[in-house]
Protein backbone atom coordinates (compact mmCIF):
# COMPACT_ATOMS: atom_id res chain seq x y z
CA MET A 1 -25.63 -3.58 8.70
CA PRO A 2 -23.31 -0.79 9.90
CA THR A 3 -20.79 0.72 7.50
CA ILE A 4 -17.27 2.17 7.81
CA ILE A 5 -15.87 5.46 6.59
CA GLY A 6 -12.35 5.02 5.26
CA LEU A 7 -9.57 7.49 4.46
CA ASP A 8 -6.78 6.52 2.06
CA VAL A 9 -4.11 9.16 2.71
CA GLY A 10 -1.30 9.34 0.16
CA GLY A 11 1.26 11.81 -1.06
CA GLY A 12 -0.62 12.45 -4.30
CA LYS A 13 -4.25 12.08 -3.33
CA ILE A 14 -6.61 11.52 -0.43
CA ALA A 15 -9.68 9.37 -0.99
CA CYS A 16 -12.62 9.08 1.40
CA VAL A 17 -14.93 6.08 1.03
CA GLU A 18 -17.90 4.46 2.71
CA GLY A 19 -17.79 0.68 2.67
CA THR A 20 -19.44 -2.42 4.04
CA ALA A 21 -18.13 -5.25 6.21
CA ALA A 22 -17.80 -7.29 3.01
CA GLY A 23 -15.40 -4.75 1.49
CA ALA A 24 -17.95 -3.28 -0.93
CA ILE A 25 -17.50 0.43 -1.66
CA LEU A 26 -20.76 2.39 -1.49
CA GLY A 27 -19.34 5.80 -2.42
CA ARG A 28 -16.13 7.76 -2.62
CA SER A 29 -14.66 11.21 -3.10
CA GLU A 30 -11.08 12.21 -3.87
CA VAL A 31 -8.97 15.35 -3.59
CA ALA A 32 -5.34 16.24 -4.20
CA SER A 33 -3.21 15.62 -1.13
CA PRO A 34 -1.88 18.70 0.70
CA ALA A 35 1.20 16.65 1.54
CA ALA A 36 3.54 19.63 1.89
CA GLU A 37 1.08 21.67 3.97
CA PRO A 38 1.48 21.65 7.77
CA PHE A 39 -0.78 18.95 9.19
CA GLU A 40 -2.93 21.27 11.28
CA ARG A 41 -3.63 23.36 8.18
CA ALA A 42 -4.53 20.26 6.17
CA LEU A 43 -6.71 18.72 8.89
CA PRO A 44 -9.91 20.63 7.98
CA LEU A 45 -9.78 19.04 4.52
CA LEU A 46 -9.78 15.54 6.07
CA VAL A 47 -12.56 16.46 8.46
CA GLY A 48 -14.62 17.92 5.64
CA LEU A 49 -14.28 14.77 3.52
CA VAL A 50 -15.42 12.58 6.41
CA ARG A 51 -18.32 14.88 7.32
CA GLU A 52 -19.52 14.77 3.72
CA ARG A 53 -19.51 10.94 3.70
CA LEU A 54 -21.22 10.80 7.09
CA GLY A 55 -23.94 13.10 5.78
CA ILE A 56 -24.53 10.91 2.74
CA ALA A 57 -24.68 7.77 4.89
CA THR A 58 -27.11 9.35 7.36
CA ALA A 59 -29.38 10.60 4.57
CA ALA A 60 -29.50 7.05 3.19
CA GLY A 61 -30.43 5.63 6.60
CA ARG A 62 -27.10 3.89 7.23
CA ARG A 63 -25.25 3.81 10.57
CA VAL A 64 -21.50 4.43 10.40
CA ALA A 65 -19.75 2.31 13.04
CA ALA A 66 -16.15 3.54 12.79
CA LEU A 67 -13.58 5.65 10.96
CA SER A 68 -10.66 3.77 9.38
CA VAL A 69 -7.44 5.37 8.05
CA SER A 70 -4.79 3.87 5.77
CA VAL A 71 -1.62 5.97 5.61
CA GLY A 72 2.04 5.44 4.76
CA GLY A 73 4.64 5.18 7.50
CA PRO A 74 6.71 5.17 9.48
CA LEU A 75 4.05 5.67 12.15
CA GLN A 76 2.99 4.56 15.62
CA ILE A 77 -0.01 2.45 14.67
CA ALA A 78 -1.97 2.13 17.93
CA ALA A 79 -1.51 5.83 18.69
CA GLY A 80 -2.17 6.79 15.07
CA ARG A 81 0.75 9.20 15.18
CA LEU A 82 2.84 9.78 12.06
CA ILE A 83 6.59 9.85 12.56
CA ASN A 84 8.35 10.99 9.39
CA PRO A 85 6.58 9.65 6.28
CA PRO A 86 8.66 10.84 3.31
CA HIS A 87 5.60 11.26 1.07
CA LEU A 88 3.92 13.60 3.62
CA PRO A 89 6.70 16.06 4.45
CA GLY A 90 4.36 18.53 6.16
CA TRP A 91 2.82 15.88 8.41
CA HIS A 92 5.80 14.68 10.41
CA HIS A 93 4.90 13.92 14.05
CA ALA A 94 1.22 14.56 13.28
CA PRO A 95 -1.27 13.21 15.87
CA LEU A 96 -3.62 12.00 13.14
CA LYS A 97 -5.80 9.63 15.19
CA GLU A 98 -6.06 12.05 18.11
CA ARG A 99 -7.22 14.94 15.95
CA LEU A 100 -9.78 12.85 14.06
CA ALA A 101 -11.13 11.43 17.33
CA GLU A 102 -11.56 14.99 18.63
CA ALA A 103 -13.42 16.00 15.47
CA PHE A 104 -15.72 12.95 15.53
CA ALA A 105 -16.43 12.30 19.20
CA GLY A 106 -18.14 8.97 19.76
CA LEU A 107 -16.89 7.50 16.46
CA PRO A 108 -14.08 4.96 17.01
CA VAL A 109 -10.98 5.76 14.94
CA ARG A 110 -8.43 3.17 13.81
CA VAL A 111 -5.21 3.82 11.85
CA GLU A 112 -3.11 1.30 9.91
CA HIS A 113 0.02 1.44 7.75
CA ASP A 114 -0.99 1.41 4.08
CA GLY A 115 1.19 -1.62 3.29
CA ASN A 116 -0.44 -3.58 6.10
CA ALA A 117 -3.88 -2.36 5.04
CA GLY A 118 -3.20 -3.53 1.47
CA ALA A 119 -2.13 -6.95 2.73
CA LEU A 120 -5.29 -7.28 4.82
CA ALA A 121 -7.46 -6.15 1.89
CA GLU A 122 -6.00 -8.78 -0.41
CA TYR A 123 -6.08 -11.46 2.29
CA HIS A 124 -9.77 -11.00 3.09
CA PHE A 125 -11.26 -9.60 -0.13
CA GLY A 126 -8.73 -10.05 -2.97
CA VAL A 127 -6.55 -13.04 -3.85
CA GLY A 128 -7.43 -14.63 -0.52
CA ARG A 129 -11.18 -14.67 -1.13
CA GLY A 130 -12.16 -18.34 -1.48
CA ARG A 131 -8.53 -19.55 -1.32
CA LYS A 132 -8.60 -22.36 1.25
CA GLY A 133 -5.72 -22.79 3.64
CA LEU A 134 -4.17 -19.35 3.03
CA ARG A 135 -2.27 -18.26 6.15
CA HIS A 136 0.90 -16.58 4.88
CA LEU A 137 0.67 -13.62 2.47
CA ILE A 138 2.85 -10.63 1.64
CA PHE A 139 1.52 -7.56 -0.09
CA LEU A 140 4.04 -5.30 -1.78
CA THR A 141 3.24 -1.71 -2.69
CA VAL A 142 4.94 -0.86 -5.97
CA GLY A 143 3.94 2.75 -6.35
CA THR A 144 5.89 5.92 -5.66
CA GLY A 145 7.82 3.82 -3.14
CA ILE A 146 8.03 0.20 -2.01
CA GLY A 147 6.67 -1.16 1.24
CA ALA A 148 5.38 -4.51 2.41
CA GLY A 149 2.49 -5.77 4.50
CA ILE A 150 3.31 -9.18 5.95
CA ILE A 151 0.68 -11.65 7.17
CA VAL A 152 2.06 -14.61 9.12
CA ALA A 153 -0.27 -17.36 10.35
CA GLY A 154 -3.25 -15.18 9.51
CA ARG A 155 -2.07 -12.15 11.51
CA ILE A 156 -0.49 -8.92 10.31
CA LEU A 157 3.11 -8.49 11.46
CA HIS A 158 3.67 -5.05 13.00
CA GLY A 159 7.04 -5.69 14.66
CA ALA A 160 8.52 -4.24 17.84
CA SER A 161 8.25 -0.62 16.68
CA ASP A 162 5.53 -0.88 14.00
CA THR A 163 8.13 -0.79 11.23
CA ALA A 164 7.88 -4.39 9.99
CA GLY A 165 7.60 -4.32 6.22
CA GLU A 166 9.62 -1.15 5.62
CA VAL A 167 11.68 -3.00 3.01
CA GLY A 168 12.12 -0.22 0.46
CA HIS A 169 15.38 0.86 2.06
CA TRP A 170 17.02 -2.58 1.66
CA ARG A 171 20.29 -2.01 -0.16
CA LEU A 172 20.59 -4.25 -3.21
CA SER A 173 23.77 -2.68 -4.58
CA ARG A 174 26.47 -0.19 -3.64
CA ARG A 175 25.79 1.42 -6.99
CA GLY A 176 22.66 2.76 -8.60
CA PRO A 177 20.06 5.47 -7.97
CA VAL A 178 19.43 6.93 -4.51
CA ALA A 179 16.11 6.64 -2.66
CA PHE A 180 15.12 6.25 0.98
CA GLY A 181 18.49 7.84 1.75
CA LYS A 182 20.45 4.92 0.33
CA GLN A 183 22.24 4.43 -2.94
CA GLY A 184 21.17 1.20 -4.60
CA SER A 185 18.15 0.66 -2.34
CA TRP A 186 15.33 -1.60 -3.52
CA GLU A 187 13.03 1.40 -3.77
CA ALA A 188 15.63 3.23 -5.87
CA PHE A 189 15.50 0.51 -8.52
CA SER A 190 11.95 -0.85 -8.60
CA SER A 191 9.42 1.70 -7.32
CA GLY A 192 7.76 4.20 -9.64
CA ARG A 193 10.19 6.87 -8.54
CA GLY A 194 13.02 4.35 -8.79
CA MET A 195 12.15 3.42 -12.36
CA VAL A 196 12.33 7.08 -13.35
CA LEU A 197 15.75 7.39 -11.70
CA LEU A 198 16.87 4.19 -13.43
CA ALA A 199 15.64 5.44 -16.81
CA ALA A 200 17.51 8.72 -16.33
CA ALA A 201 20.71 6.83 -15.46
CA MET A 202 20.40 4.40 -18.37
CA PHE A 203 19.20 6.88 -21.02
CA PRO A 204 20.12 10.40 -19.82
CA ARG A 205 19.55 11.98 -23.22
CA ARG A 206 15.92 10.88 -23.20
CA TRP A 207 14.76 10.88 -19.58
CA SER A 208 15.63 12.94 -16.51
CA ASP A 209 15.10 12.52 -12.77
CA ASN A 210 12.00 14.72 -13.15
CA THR A 211 10.32 12.73 -15.91
CA PRO A 212 6.71 11.94 -14.89
CA ILE A 213 6.27 8.23 -14.19
CA ARG A 214 3.19 8.30 -16.44
CA GLU A 215 5.40 9.17 -19.42
CA LEU A 216 7.71 6.22 -18.73
CA VAL A 217 4.80 3.82 -18.19
CA GLU A 218 3.22 4.87 -21.49
CA ALA A 219 6.51 4.17 -23.28
CA ILE A 220 6.72 0.74 -21.64
CA LEU A 221 3.15 -0.15 -22.60
CA SER A 222 3.84 0.91 -26.21
CA ASP A 223 6.78 -1.55 -26.34
CA ASP A 224 9.37 1.19 -26.77
CA ALA A 225 12.76 -0.55 -26.94
CA ALA A 226 14.57 1.70 -24.45
CA ALA A 227 11.64 1.68 -22.04
CA ASN A 228 11.59 -2.12 -22.21
CA GLU A 229 15.23 -2.18 -21.14
CA VAL A 230 14.34 -0.02 -18.15
CA VAL A 231 11.40 -2.15 -17.02
CA THR A 232 13.43 -5.33 -17.44
CA ALA A 233 16.23 -3.91 -15.27
CA ALA A 234 13.69 -2.74 -12.68
CA GLY A 235 11.98 -6.14 -12.76
CA GLU A 236 15.24 -7.97 -12.18
CA ARG A 237 15.95 -5.81 -9.13
CA LEU A 238 12.36 -6.39 -8.00
CA GLY A 239 13.08 -10.11 -8.20
CA GLN A 240 16.14 -9.74 -5.98
CA GLY A 241 14.03 -8.26 -3.22
CA LEU A 242 11.24 -10.80 -3.70
CA ALA A 243 13.76 -13.63 -3.37
CA LEU A 244 14.84 -12.23 0.00
CA LEU A 245 11.22 -12.02 1.18
CA ILE A 246 10.51 -15.57 0.02
CA ASP A 247 13.57 -16.99 1.77
CA ALA A 248 12.83 -15.07 4.98
CA PHE A 249 9.06 -15.58 5.30
CA ASN A 250 8.19 -18.58 3.09
CA PRO A 251 4.82 -17.05 2.03
CA GLN A 252 2.14 -18.84 0.06
CA VAL A 253 1.38 -15.71 -1.97
CA ILE A 254 3.10 -12.42 -2.73
CA VAL A 255 0.68 -9.85 -4.12
CA LEU A 256 1.98 -6.73 -5.85
CA GLY A 257 -0.03 -3.55 -6.31
CA SER A 258 0.00 -0.37 -8.40
CA LEU A 259 2.65 -0.56 -11.13
CA ALA A 260 2.67 -4.36 -11.09
CA VAL A 261 -1.03 -4.30 -12.01
CA VAL A 262 -0.46 -1.80 -14.82
CA LEU A 263 2.73 -3.33 -16.23
CA GLY A 264 1.93 -6.99 -15.59
CA GLU A 265 4.44 -9.50 -16.93
CA ARG A 266 6.61 -6.74 -18.38
CA LEU A 267 7.69 -6.14 -14.77
CA LEU A 268 6.82 -9.46 -13.12
CA GLY A 269 8.35 -11.70 -15.80
CA PRO A 270 11.95 -10.57 -15.17
CA ALA A 271 11.25 -10.61 -11.42
CA LYS A 272 10.07 -14.23 -11.48
CA ARG A 273 13.14 -15.30 -13.43
CA ILE A 274 15.42 -13.82 -10.76
CA VAL A 275 13.32 -15.34 -7.97
CA ALA A 276 13.64 -18.79 -9.58
CA ALA A 277 17.42 -18.36 -9.80
CA GLU A 278 18.05 -16.92 -6.34
CA ALA A 279 15.45 -18.11 -3.80
CA LEU A 280 15.25 -21.54 -2.19
CA PRO A 281 13.54 -23.90 -4.67
CA GLU A 282 11.18 -25.33 -2.04
CA ALA A 283 10.06 -21.84 -1.03
CA VAL A 284 9.66 -20.73 -4.66
CA ALA A 285 7.49 -23.76 -5.41
CA ALA A 286 5.20 -22.90 -2.49
CA CYS A 287 4.72 -19.24 -3.47
CA ASP A 288 2.51 -17.63 -6.11
CA ILE A 289 3.56 -14.16 -7.30
CA LEU A 290 0.49 -12.26 -8.46
CA PRO A 291 -0.71 -8.75 -9.28
CA SER A 292 -3.37 -7.38 -6.96
CA ALA A 293 -6.77 -9.00 -7.49
CA LEU A 294 -8.38 -5.77 -6.28
CA GLY A 295 -6.50 -3.83 -8.95
CA ALA A 296 -7.03 -0.09 -9.04
CA GLY A 297 -9.61 -0.40 -6.26
CA ILE A 298 -7.22 -1.74 -3.65
CA GLY A 299 -6.65 1.68 -2.05
CA ASP A 300 -10.38 2.08 -1.42
CA VAL A 301 -10.72 -1.35 0.20
CA ALA A 302 -7.46 -0.87 2.13
CA ALA A 303 -8.92 2.34 3.57
CA LEU A 304 -11.43 0.17 5.47
CA MET A 305 -8.92 -2.34 6.82
CA ALA A 306 -7.73 -0.51 9.93
CA VAL A 307 -11.19 -1.49 11.20
CA LEU A 308 -12.03 -4.61 9.17
CA GLY A 309 -8.58 -6.12 9.72
CA ASP A 310 -9.19 -6.18 13.46
CA ASP A 311 -10.00 -9.41 15.28
CA ALA A 312 -13.55 -10.71 15.57
CA GLU A 313 -13.92 -9.68 19.23
CA HIS A 314 -13.13 -6.02 18.53
CA LEU A 315 -15.35 -6.01 15.45
CA ALA A 316 -18.21 -7.44 17.51
CA GLN A 317 -17.84 -4.53 19.93
CA LEU A 318 -18.52 -2.22 16.97
CA GLY A 319 -21.47 -4.33 15.83
CA ILE A 320 -19.57 -5.51 12.74
CA THR A 321 -19.22 -9.03 11.34
CA ARG A 322 -16.60 -9.09 8.60
CA GLY A 323 -17.56 -10.82 5.37
CA GLY A 324 -15.45 -12.11 2.48
CA SER A 325 -12.70 -14.13 4.16
């Protein structure tokens, strides 16, 4: 059975994995992301990671069928060209797919938005595995920022300009922290970065805008009273945005990654209360709100989904039959 090499490109780290058509990870390596470096200067690092994985696969007698990339947007997905991803300031307008295709001639390269890739990973290999009748799923990244991958009738929604799911900039209030260029945006309240900004605004003598998110998360998990106020406020704002998604798309499942997995009901409890109060009751009753079933491994599986999320005809052309869904 052929395998896939996957790159998970983020602002903090870059992971390179080899995986199977069933979403199983056979090996991985990880390096710090040169996010501020000019793309052309950072490219050899990406190429080196992929070459290393290809060498390991070849030595083990496995055939790699394609290279898959999961990366944050905004980006032109089919062209694999980054536009202006805020977490990769040195990579604006980078021809990512083109350069990788040049480096690995004969190896098909696919690129997907990381929110979409996360949605596809959960749909096929996470909460959707074995769930009969699942057709409508939304995956929400709750990490440094907030973004959504939206699956409607079993298909990922890209939109007219590949920007469907860029919901972090939704303005929830005219007041509050600033993120995504907007005061009171959803991302400014409920992302990892947003929670830090919220903590600094609520308790300026204790936390600042530069407080590491890890420090705040540790305080929340230790049931610190002030930290609990912060996560409750962030969760309520998270619920506001979820209510909008539920009313607009009527999903069967909303899956939340990263911080929602770590913080669990500390974050999701307040969110669900707001959803119950604000969204249409019929839509709320039809929707489960869950942390990622893939947990900390979702980035690795998502790295494969630019290829494995493709339709059966295209997968067959690569000699791949997807398993797990």
